[in-house]
N, C-alpha and C. Protein backbone atom coordinates (compact mmCIF):
# COMPACT_ATOMS: atom_id res chain seq x y z
N UNK A 1 -308.64 -89.31 -152.30
CA UNK A 1 -308.15 -90.31 -151.39
C UNK A 1 -306.65 -90.19 -151.20
N UNK A 2 -305.91 -90.06 -152.34
CA UNK A 2 -304.46 -89.97 -152.24
C UNK A 2 -304.03 -88.69 -151.52
N UNK A 3 -304.71 -87.59 -151.76
CA UNK A 3 -304.38 -86.33 -151.10
C UNK A 3 -304.58 -86.44 -149.60
N UNK A 4 -305.62 -87.08 -149.18
CA UNK A 4 -305.90 -87.26 -147.76
C UNK A 4 -304.82 -88.10 -147.10
N UNK A 5 -304.37 -89.15 -147.77
CA UNK A 5 -303.33 -90.02 -147.23
C UNK A 5 -302.00 -89.26 -147.12
N UNK A 6 -301.66 -88.46 -148.14
CA UNK A 6 -300.43 -87.67 -148.10
C UNK A 6 -300.50 -86.66 -146.96
N UNK A 7 -301.64 -86.05 -146.78
CA UNK A 7 -301.82 -85.08 -145.71
C UNK A 7 -301.65 -85.72 -144.34
N UNK A 8 -301.97 -87.01 -144.22
CA UNK A 8 -301.80 -87.71 -142.95
C UNK A 8 -300.35 -88.15 -142.74
N UNK A 9 -299.67 -88.57 -143.78
CA UNK A 9 -298.31 -89.11 -143.68
C UNK A 9 -297.27 -88.00 -143.57
N UNK A 10 -297.45 -86.90 -144.28
CA UNK A 10 -296.46 -85.83 -144.30
C UNK A 10 -296.15 -85.28 -142.91
N UNK A 11 -297.14 -84.93 -142.08
CA UNK A 11 -296.80 -84.43 -140.73
C UNK A 11 -296.05 -85.47 -139.89
N UNK A 12 -296.42 -86.74 -140.06
CA UNK A 12 -295.73 -87.80 -139.31
C UNK A 12 -294.27 -87.91 -139.74
N UNK A 13 -294.01 -87.83 -141.04
CA UNK A 13 -292.64 -87.90 -141.55
C UNK A 13 -291.82 -86.69 -141.09
N UNK A 14 -292.41 -85.52 -141.11
CA UNK A 14 -291.70 -84.32 -140.65
C UNK A 14 -291.40 -84.40 -139.16
N UNK A 15 -292.33 -84.89 -138.39
CA UNK A 15 -292.12 -85.04 -136.94
C UNK A 15 -290.99 -86.04 -136.67
N UNK A 16 -290.95 -87.15 -137.39
CA UNK A 16 -289.91 -88.17 -137.19
C UNK A 16 -288.54 -87.62 -137.55
N UNK A 17 -288.43 -86.89 -138.65
CA UNK A 17 -287.12 -86.35 -139.03
C UNK A 17 -286.65 -85.29 -138.04
N UNK A 18 -287.58 -84.48 -137.52
CA UNK A 18 -287.21 -83.47 -136.52
C UNK A 18 -286.73 -84.14 -135.25
N UNK A 19 -287.34 -85.24 -134.85
CA UNK A 19 -286.93 -85.95 -133.64
C UNK A 19 -285.52 -86.52 -133.80
N UNK A 20 -285.20 -87.01 -134.98
CA UNK A 20 -283.86 -87.56 -135.22
C UNK A 20 -282.81 -86.46 -135.12
N UNK A 21 -283.08 -85.30 -135.70
CA UNK A 21 -282.09 -84.21 -135.67
C UNK A 21 -281.96 -83.60 -134.28
N UNK A 22 -283.02 -83.59 -133.51
CA UNK A 22 -282.98 -82.95 -132.20
C UNK A 22 -282.41 -83.85 -131.12
N UNK A 23 -282.40 -85.15 -131.33
CA UNK A 23 -281.92 -86.08 -130.30
C UNK A 23 -280.42 -85.96 -130.13
N UNK A 24 -279.92 -85.90 -128.89
CA UNK A 24 -278.47 -85.90 -128.70
C UNK A 24 -277.92 -87.25 -129.11
N UNK A 25 -276.84 -87.21 -129.87
CA UNK A 25 -276.28 -88.45 -130.39
C UNK A 25 -274.88 -88.66 -129.86
N UNK A 26 -274.49 -89.91 -129.76
CA UNK A 26 -273.12 -90.25 -129.39
C UNK A 26 -272.23 -89.98 -130.59
N UNK A 27 -270.95 -89.84 -130.35
CA UNK A 27 -269.99 -89.64 -131.43
C UNK A 27 -269.98 -90.88 -132.31
N UNK A 28 -270.48 -90.75 -133.53
CA UNK A 28 -270.63 -91.91 -134.40
C UNK A 28 -269.29 -92.47 -134.87
N UNK A 29 -268.27 -91.63 -135.00
CA UNK A 29 -266.97 -92.13 -135.45
C UNK A 29 -266.32 -92.97 -134.38
N UNK A 30 -266.38 -92.54 -133.14
CA UNK A 30 -265.72 -93.27 -132.08
C UNK A 30 -266.58 -94.42 -131.56
N UNK A 31 -267.87 -94.35 -131.80
CA UNK A 31 -268.75 -95.41 -131.37
C UNK A 31 -269.12 -95.35 -129.90
N UNK A 32 -268.72 -94.33 -129.19
CA UNK A 32 -269.02 -94.24 -127.77
C UNK A 32 -269.38 -92.80 -127.42
N UNK A 33 -270.22 -92.69 -126.42
CA UNK A 33 -270.57 -91.37 -125.92
C UNK A 33 -269.39 -90.78 -125.16
N UNK A 34 -269.22 -89.46 -125.17
CA UNK A 34 -268.12 -88.84 -124.43
C UNK A 34 -268.22 -89.14 -122.93
N UNK A 35 -267.07 -89.32 -122.31
CA UNK A 35 -266.99 -89.53 -120.87
C UNK A 35 -266.17 -88.40 -120.27
N UNK A 36 -266.48 -88.04 -119.04
CA UNK A 36 -265.77 -86.95 -118.37
C UNK A 36 -264.38 -87.42 -117.94
N UNK A 37 -263.39 -86.56 -118.16
CA UNK A 37 -262.04 -86.79 -117.66
C UNK A 37 -261.66 -85.56 -116.84
N UNK A 38 -260.85 -85.76 -115.81
CA UNK A 38 -260.42 -84.64 -114.99
C UNK A 38 -259.08 -84.96 -114.36
N UNK A 39 -258.40 -83.92 -113.94
CA UNK A 39 -257.11 -84.07 -113.30
C UNK A 39 -256.43 -82.72 -113.21
N UNK A 40 -255.12 -82.76 -112.96
CA UNK A 40 -254.32 -81.54 -112.85
C UNK A 40 -252.98 -81.80 -113.52
N UNK A 41 -252.53 -80.83 -114.28
CA UNK A 41 -251.17 -80.84 -114.81
C UNK A 41 -250.35 -79.85 -114.00
N UNK A 42 -249.25 -80.31 -113.41
CA UNK A 42 -248.30 -79.44 -112.72
C UNK A 42 -247.13 -79.25 -113.69
N UNK A 43 -247.03 -78.07 -114.27
CA UNK A 43 -246.01 -77.78 -115.28
C UNK A 43 -244.89 -76.98 -114.64
N UNK A 44 -243.68 -77.50 -114.73
CA UNK A 44 -242.49 -76.81 -114.20
C UNK A 44 -241.58 -76.46 -115.37
N UNK A 45 -241.26 -75.19 -115.47
CA UNK A 45 -240.35 -74.71 -116.51
C UNK A 45 -238.99 -74.49 -115.87
N UNK A 46 -237.97 -75.14 -116.38
CA UNK A 46 -236.59 -74.88 -115.97
C UNK A 46 -236.07 -73.85 -116.97
N UNK A 47 -235.98 -72.60 -116.53
CA UNK A 47 -235.67 -71.50 -117.43
C UNK A 47 -234.24 -71.02 -117.21
N UNK A 48 -233.48 -71.00 -118.28
CA UNK A 48 -232.14 -70.44 -118.25
C UNK A 48 -232.25 -69.03 -118.82
N UNK A 49 -232.25 -68.00 -117.97
CA UNK A 49 -232.51 -66.64 -118.45
C UNK A 49 -231.37 -66.04 -119.26
N UNK A 50 -230.18 -66.63 -119.18
CA UNK A 50 -229.05 -66.07 -119.92
C UNK A 50 -228.86 -64.61 -119.58
N UNK A 51 -228.61 -63.81 -120.58
CA UNK A 51 -228.41 -62.37 -120.34
C UNK A 51 -229.70 -61.58 -120.56
N UNK A 52 -230.82 -62.28 -120.80
CA UNK A 52 -232.09 -61.59 -121.05
C UNK A 52 -232.62 -60.88 -119.81
N UNK A 53 -232.25 -61.37 -118.62
CA UNK A 53 -232.75 -60.79 -117.38
C UNK A 53 -231.59 -60.58 -116.42
N UNK A 54 -231.44 -59.38 -115.93
CA UNK A 54 -230.42 -59.08 -114.93
C UNK A 54 -230.90 -59.54 -113.56
N UNK A 55 -229.96 -59.61 -112.62
CA UNK A 55 -230.33 -59.97 -111.25
C UNK A 55 -231.42 -59.03 -110.76
N UNK A 56 -232.42 -59.59 -110.09
CA UNK A 56 -233.54 -58.81 -109.61
C UNK A 56 -234.70 -58.75 -110.58
N UNK A 57 -234.46 -59.16 -111.83
CA UNK A 57 -235.54 -59.24 -112.81
C UNK A 57 -236.42 -60.44 -112.51
N UNK A 58 -237.38 -60.70 -113.35
CA UNK A 58 -238.31 -61.80 -113.08
C UNK A 58 -238.58 -62.61 -114.33
N UNK A 59 -238.98 -63.84 -114.11
CA UNK A 59 -239.46 -64.74 -115.16
C UNK A 59 -240.92 -65.03 -114.83
N UNK A 60 -241.81 -64.80 -115.79
CA UNK A 60 -243.21 -65.17 -115.61
C UNK A 60 -243.53 -66.31 -116.57
N UNK A 61 -244.43 -67.18 -116.16
CA UNK A 61 -244.78 -68.32 -117.00
C UNK A 61 -246.27 -68.58 -116.93
N UNK A 62 -246.82 -69.08 -118.02
CA UNK A 62 -248.21 -69.53 -118.04
C UNK A 62 -248.33 -70.62 -119.11
N UNK A 63 -249.32 -71.47 -118.94
CA UNK A 63 -249.53 -72.57 -119.86
C UNK A 63 -251.02 -72.74 -120.12
N UNK A 64 -251.34 -73.40 -121.24
CA UNK A 64 -252.73 -73.64 -121.62
C UNK A 64 -252.81 -75.05 -122.19
N UNK A 65 -253.93 -75.76 -121.90
CA UNK A 65 -254.15 -77.08 -122.46
C UNK A 65 -255.53 -77.17 -123.11
N UNK A 66 -255.66 -78.08 -124.06
CA UNK A 66 -256.93 -78.40 -124.70
C UNK A 66 -256.84 -79.86 -125.13
N UNK A 67 -257.98 -80.55 -125.26
CA UNK A 67 -257.92 -81.93 -125.74
C UNK A 67 -257.26 -81.97 -127.12
N UNK A 68 -256.51 -83.02 -127.38
CA UNK A 68 -255.82 -83.18 -128.66
C UNK A 68 -256.82 -83.73 -129.68
N UNK A 69 -257.74 -82.86 -130.09
CA UNK A 69 -258.78 -83.19 -131.05
C UNK A 69 -258.80 -82.10 -132.12
N UNK A 70 -259.38 -82.39 -133.27
CA UNK A 70 -259.56 -81.30 -134.24
C UNK A 70 -260.40 -80.19 -133.60
N UNK A 71 -260.11 -78.95 -133.95
CA UNK A 71 -260.78 -77.79 -133.35
C UNK A 71 -262.29 -77.88 -133.46
N UNK A 72 -262.80 -78.38 -134.58
CA UNK A 72 -264.25 -78.47 -134.76
C UNK A 72 -264.88 -79.40 -133.73
N UNK A 73 -264.19 -80.48 -133.36
CA UNK A 73 -264.73 -81.39 -132.34
C UNK A 73 -264.75 -80.71 -130.97
N UNK A 74 -263.70 -79.96 -130.64
CA UNK A 74 -263.69 -79.22 -129.38
C UNK A 74 -264.86 -78.24 -129.33
N UNK A 75 -265.14 -77.55 -130.44
CA UNK A 75 -266.25 -76.60 -130.48
C UNK A 75 -267.58 -77.33 -130.36
N UNK A 76 -267.73 -78.46 -131.06
CA UNK A 76 -268.99 -79.21 -131.01
C UNK A 76 -269.29 -79.69 -129.60
N UNK A 77 -268.28 -80.00 -128.83
CA UNK A 77 -268.49 -80.50 -127.47
C UNK A 77 -268.49 -79.38 -126.44
N UNK A 78 -268.22 -78.16 -126.87
CA UNK A 78 -268.20 -77.04 -125.93
C UNK A 78 -266.97 -77.05 -125.04
N UNK A 79 -265.88 -77.68 -125.52
CA UNK A 79 -264.65 -77.75 -124.73
C UNK A 79 -263.88 -76.45 -124.90
N UNK A 80 -263.56 -75.82 -123.79
CA UNK A 80 -262.81 -74.57 -123.80
C UNK A 80 -261.40 -74.86 -123.27
N UNK A 81 -260.35 -74.39 -123.97
CA UNK A 81 -259.00 -74.59 -123.43
C UNK A 81 -258.88 -74.02 -122.02
N UNK A 82 -258.05 -74.65 -121.20
CA UNK A 82 -257.88 -74.23 -119.82
C UNK A 82 -256.50 -73.59 -119.68
N UNK A 83 -256.47 -72.38 -119.12
CA UNK A 83 -255.21 -71.66 -118.93
C UNK A 83 -254.86 -71.59 -117.45
N UNK A 84 -253.57 -71.69 -117.17
CA UNK A 84 -253.10 -71.61 -115.79
C UNK A 84 -253.10 -70.17 -115.31
N UNK A 85 -253.04 -69.99 -114.01
CA UNK A 85 -252.73 -68.69 -113.45
C UNK A 85 -251.24 -68.47 -113.71
N UNK A 86 -250.81 -67.24 -113.88
CA UNK A 86 -249.38 -67.02 -114.15
C UNK A 86 -248.52 -67.37 -112.95
N UNK A 87 -247.35 -67.92 -113.23
CA UNK A 87 -246.35 -68.15 -112.20
C UNK A 87 -245.25 -67.10 -112.35
N UNK A 88 -244.51 -66.85 -111.29
CA UNK A 88 -243.43 -65.86 -111.36
C UNK A 88 -242.31 -66.25 -110.42
N UNK A 89 -241.08 -66.00 -110.87
CA UNK A 89 -239.91 -66.25 -110.03
C UNK A 89 -238.93 -65.11 -110.27
N UNK A 90 -238.28 -64.66 -109.20
CA UNK A 90 -237.27 -63.60 -109.29
C UNK A 90 -235.92 -64.22 -109.61
N UNK A 91 -235.19 -63.58 -110.51
CA UNK A 91 -233.86 -64.06 -110.89
C UNK A 91 -232.86 -63.51 -109.90
N UNK A 92 -232.16 -64.41 -109.21
CA UNK A 92 -231.12 -64.01 -108.26
C UNK A 92 -229.76 -64.09 -108.94
N UNK A 93 -228.77 -63.54 -108.33
CA UNK A 93 -227.41 -63.62 -108.89
C UNK A 93 -227.26 -62.75 -110.11
N UNK A 94 -226.41 -63.18 -111.01
CA UNK A 94 -226.07 -62.35 -112.16
C UNK A 94 -226.88 -62.66 -113.40
N UNK A 95 -227.76 -63.67 -113.37
CA UNK A 95 -228.51 -64.02 -114.57
C UNK A 95 -227.64 -64.64 -115.63
N UNK A 96 -226.54 -65.31 -115.22
CA UNK A 96 -225.61 -65.92 -116.18
C UNK A 96 -226.23 -67.16 -116.82
N UNK A 97 -225.77 -67.47 -118.01
CA UNK A 97 -226.13 -68.72 -118.66
C UNK A 97 -225.66 -69.86 -117.76
N UNK A 98 -226.49 -70.85 -117.57
CA UNK A 98 -226.13 -71.96 -116.70
C UNK A 98 -226.71 -71.86 -115.32
N UNK A 99 -227.43 -70.78 -115.03
CA UNK A 99 -228.07 -70.61 -113.72
C UNK A 99 -229.58 -70.67 -113.91
N UNK A 100 -230.17 -71.86 -114.06
CA UNK A 100 -231.61 -71.94 -114.32
C UNK A 100 -232.45 -71.59 -113.09
N UNK A 101 -233.64 -71.09 -113.35
CA UNK A 101 -234.63 -70.84 -112.31
C UNK A 101 -235.86 -71.68 -112.66
N UNK A 102 -236.64 -72.03 -111.64
CA UNK A 102 -237.83 -72.84 -111.85
C UNK A 102 -239.08 -71.99 -111.70
N UNK A 103 -239.95 -72.07 -112.69
CA UNK A 103 -241.24 -71.37 -112.66
C UNK A 103 -242.31 -72.45 -112.84
N UNK A 104 -243.26 -72.51 -111.91
CA UNK A 104 -244.25 -73.59 -111.92
C UNK A 104 -245.67 -73.05 -111.96
N UNK A 105 -246.53 -73.79 -112.65
CA UNK A 105 -247.96 -73.49 -112.70
C UNK A 105 -248.75 -74.79 -112.62
N UNK A 106 -250.00 -74.69 -112.20
CA UNK A 106 -250.89 -75.84 -112.19
C UNK A 106 -252.11 -75.54 -113.06
N UNK A 107 -252.57 -76.58 -113.77
CA UNK A 107 -253.73 -76.43 -114.64
C UNK A 107 -254.73 -77.53 -114.31
N UNK A 108 -255.74 -77.23 -113.49
CA UNK A 108 -256.81 -78.22 -113.27
C UNK A 108 -257.74 -78.22 -114.49
N UNK A 109 -258.29 -79.38 -114.82
CA UNK A 109 -259.17 -79.46 -115.98
C UNK A 109 -260.25 -80.52 -115.75
N UNK A 110 -261.33 -80.40 -116.48
CA UNK A 110 -262.40 -81.40 -116.53
C UNK A 110 -263.21 -81.12 -117.78
N UNK A 111 -263.37 -82.12 -118.63
CA UNK A 111 -264.18 -81.98 -119.84
C UNK A 111 -264.53 -83.35 -120.38
N UNK A 112 -265.50 -83.42 -121.30
CA UNK A 112 -265.89 -84.70 -121.89
C UNK A 112 -265.03 -85.03 -123.12
N UNK A 113 -264.56 -86.27 -123.20
CA UNK A 113 -263.85 -86.75 -124.39
C UNK A 113 -264.33 -88.17 -124.69
N UNK A 114 -264.28 -88.55 -125.96
CA UNK A 114 -264.69 -89.89 -126.32
C UNK A 114 -263.49 -90.82 -126.43
N UNK A 115 -262.28 -90.25 -126.48
CA UNK A 115 -261.09 -91.08 -126.62
C UNK A 115 -259.94 -90.44 -125.83
N UNK A 116 -259.50 -91.11 -124.76
CA UNK A 116 -258.41 -90.59 -123.93
C UNK A 116 -257.05 -90.75 -124.60
N UNK A 117 -256.97 -91.56 -125.63
CA UNK A 117 -255.68 -91.88 -126.24
C UNK A 117 -254.96 -90.66 -126.81
N UNK A 118 -255.69 -89.66 -127.25
CA UNK A 118 -255.07 -88.49 -127.86
C UNK A 118 -254.37 -87.56 -126.89
N UNK A 119 -254.73 -87.62 -125.60
CA UNK A 119 -254.14 -86.74 -124.61
C UNK A 119 -254.54 -85.30 -124.82
N UNK A 120 -253.69 -84.39 -124.37
CA UNK A 120 -253.94 -82.96 -124.51
C UNK A 120 -252.80 -82.31 -125.28
N UNK A 121 -253.07 -81.11 -125.76
CA UNK A 121 -252.04 -80.30 -126.41
C UNK A 121 -251.74 -79.14 -125.49
N UNK A 122 -250.47 -78.97 -125.15
CA UNK A 122 -250.02 -77.93 -124.22
C UNK A 122 -249.32 -76.82 -125.00
N UNK A 123 -249.58 -75.59 -124.62
CA UNK A 123 -248.83 -74.45 -125.15
C UNK A 123 -248.43 -73.59 -123.96
N UNK A 124 -247.38 -72.79 -124.14
CA UNK A 124 -246.90 -71.98 -123.02
C UNK A 124 -246.30 -70.67 -123.51
N UNK A 125 -246.15 -69.75 -122.55
CA UNK A 125 -245.45 -68.48 -122.79
C UNK A 125 -244.61 -68.17 -121.56
N UNK A 126 -243.33 -67.88 -121.80
CA UNK A 126 -242.39 -67.48 -120.75
C UNK A 126 -241.92 -66.07 -121.08
N UNK A 127 -242.04 -65.15 -120.12
CA UNK A 127 -241.60 -63.77 -120.32
C UNK A 127 -240.45 -63.47 -119.38
N UNK A 128 -239.40 -62.86 -119.93
CA UNK A 128 -238.29 -62.36 -119.12
C UNK A 128 -238.56 -60.87 -118.90
N UNK A 129 -238.72 -60.48 -117.63
CA UNK A 129 -239.12 -59.11 -117.30
C UNK A 129 -237.99 -58.42 -116.54
N UNK A 130 -237.61 -57.26 -117.03
CA UNK A 130 -236.58 -56.46 -116.34
C UNK A 130 -237.22 -55.15 -115.90
N UNK A 131 -236.41 -54.24 -115.37
CA UNK A 131 -236.92 -52.97 -114.89
C UNK A 131 -237.62 -52.15 -115.96
N UNK A 132 -237.25 -52.33 -117.23
CA UNK A 132 -237.85 -51.55 -118.31
C UNK A 132 -239.04 -52.25 -118.97
N UNK A 133 -239.43 -53.41 -118.46
CA UNK A 133 -240.57 -54.13 -119.04
C UNK A 133 -240.15 -55.51 -119.53
N UNK A 134 -240.92 -56.05 -120.46
CA UNK A 134 -240.64 -57.38 -121.00
C UNK A 134 -239.42 -57.30 -121.90
N UNK A 135 -238.37 -58.06 -121.53
CA UNK A 135 -237.12 -58.05 -122.28
C UNK A 135 -237.11 -59.11 -123.37
N UNK A 136 -237.75 -60.26 -123.14
CA UNK A 136 -237.76 -61.34 -124.11
C UNK A 136 -238.94 -62.26 -123.82
N UNK A 137 -239.39 -62.96 -124.86
CA UNK A 137 -240.52 -63.88 -124.75
C UNK A 137 -240.17 -65.19 -125.45
N UNK A 138 -240.53 -66.30 -124.83
CA UNK A 138 -240.38 -67.62 -125.46
C UNK A 138 -241.75 -68.30 -125.40
N UNK A 139 -242.14 -68.92 -126.50
CA UNK A 139 -243.41 -69.62 -126.55
C UNK A 139 -243.21 -71.03 -127.11
N UNK A 140 -244.13 -71.89 -126.81
CA UNK A 140 -244.14 -73.24 -127.35
C UNK A 140 -245.58 -73.66 -127.58
N UNK A 141 -245.81 -74.44 -128.65
CA UNK A 141 -247.16 -74.89 -128.98
C UNK A 141 -247.12 -76.32 -129.46
N UNK A 142 -248.26 -76.98 -129.40
CA UNK A 142 -248.40 -78.31 -129.98
C UNK A 142 -247.68 -79.41 -129.23
N UNK A 143 -247.44 -79.25 -127.95
CA UNK A 143 -246.76 -80.27 -127.15
C UNK A 143 -247.81 -81.26 -126.67
N UNK A 144 -247.77 -82.49 -127.16
CA UNK A 144 -248.77 -83.49 -126.81
C UNK A 144 -248.36 -84.18 -125.52
N UNK A 145 -249.30 -84.22 -124.57
CA UNK A 145 -249.06 -84.82 -123.25
C UNK A 145 -250.21 -85.79 -122.97
N UNK A 146 -249.89 -86.97 -122.45
CA UNK A 146 -250.91 -87.97 -122.13
C UNK A 146 -251.79 -87.50 -120.98
N UNK A 147 -253.03 -87.99 -120.95
CA UNK A 147 -253.91 -87.71 -119.82
C UNK A 147 -253.39 -88.38 -118.57
N UNK A 148 -253.52 -87.71 -117.41
CA UNK A 148 -253.19 -88.38 -116.16
C UNK A 148 -254.33 -89.33 -115.78
N UNK A 149 -254.08 -90.21 -114.84
CA UNK A 149 -255.16 -91.04 -114.31
C UNK A 149 -256.21 -90.10 -113.70
N UNK A 150 -257.46 -90.54 -113.68
CA UNK A 150 -258.56 -89.71 -113.17
C UNK A 150 -258.24 -89.17 -111.78
N UNK A 151 -258.34 -87.84 -111.63
CA UNK A 151 -258.15 -87.21 -110.34
C UNK A 151 -256.71 -87.10 -109.87
N UNK A 152 -255.74 -87.44 -110.72
CA UNK A 152 -254.32 -87.45 -110.34
C UNK A 152 -253.62 -86.24 -110.95
N UNK A 153 -252.57 -85.76 -110.28
CA UNK A 153 -251.75 -84.67 -110.81
C UNK A 153 -250.61 -85.25 -111.65
N UNK A 154 -250.50 -84.80 -112.88
CA UNK A 154 -249.42 -85.23 -113.78
C UNK A 154 -248.36 -84.15 -113.80
N UNK A 155 -247.09 -84.54 -113.62
CA UNK A 155 -245.99 -83.58 -113.65
C UNK A 155 -245.41 -83.51 -115.05
N UNK A 156 -245.22 -82.29 -115.51
CA UNK A 156 -244.61 -82.04 -116.83
C UNK A 156 -243.48 -81.05 -116.61
N UNK A 157 -242.28 -81.38 -117.11
CA UNK A 157 -241.14 -80.48 -116.95
C UNK A 157 -240.62 -80.11 -118.34
N UNK A 158 -240.42 -78.81 -118.54
CA UNK A 158 -239.94 -78.30 -119.83
C UNK A 158 -238.74 -77.40 -119.60
N UNK A 159 -237.74 -77.52 -120.46
CA UNK A 159 -236.54 -76.67 -120.39
C UNK A 159 -236.67 -75.55 -121.43
N UNK A 160 -236.41 -74.33 -120.97
CA UNK A 160 -236.52 -73.15 -121.84
C UNK A 160 -235.26 -72.31 -121.64
N UNK A 161 -234.67 -71.87 -122.75
CA UNK A 161 -233.47 -71.03 -122.69
C UNK A 161 -233.71 -69.73 -123.44
N UNK A 162 -233.29 -68.62 -122.83
CA UNK A 162 -233.38 -67.32 -123.49
C UNK A 162 -232.07 -67.04 -124.19
């Protein structure tokens, strides 16, 4: 009798536990299911090339953003960092210190987050390019920026000196 009852209950218990593990769950720590956020970051770099680039050389810029969450949460949600297309500007004049050039990029994004309060983390790379190739590189990481309002372009300006 007991063996028959166990044989009836065991498959039911296994089925119930499998259903719990397979069901998509909301983020239990935040208490809410992820919601989609989207917008555009317009990043403008005010670059002072100094003597790193002679007249006629170029400054290239690119930026990348990701939600300001622990990496494991980004992976669990399938969030992939978004990188801009490279921007480029030609250095006119003598490339003296004090003659900044502007290099701009746009980063459109859309992904699910459970908490907008953390914003995004921005990183960038600026290359000074001369006739012989890349003369100097400047990078920045871990710059926290608030989310823009849904569907709005947020302007971010950063100063970089070579």
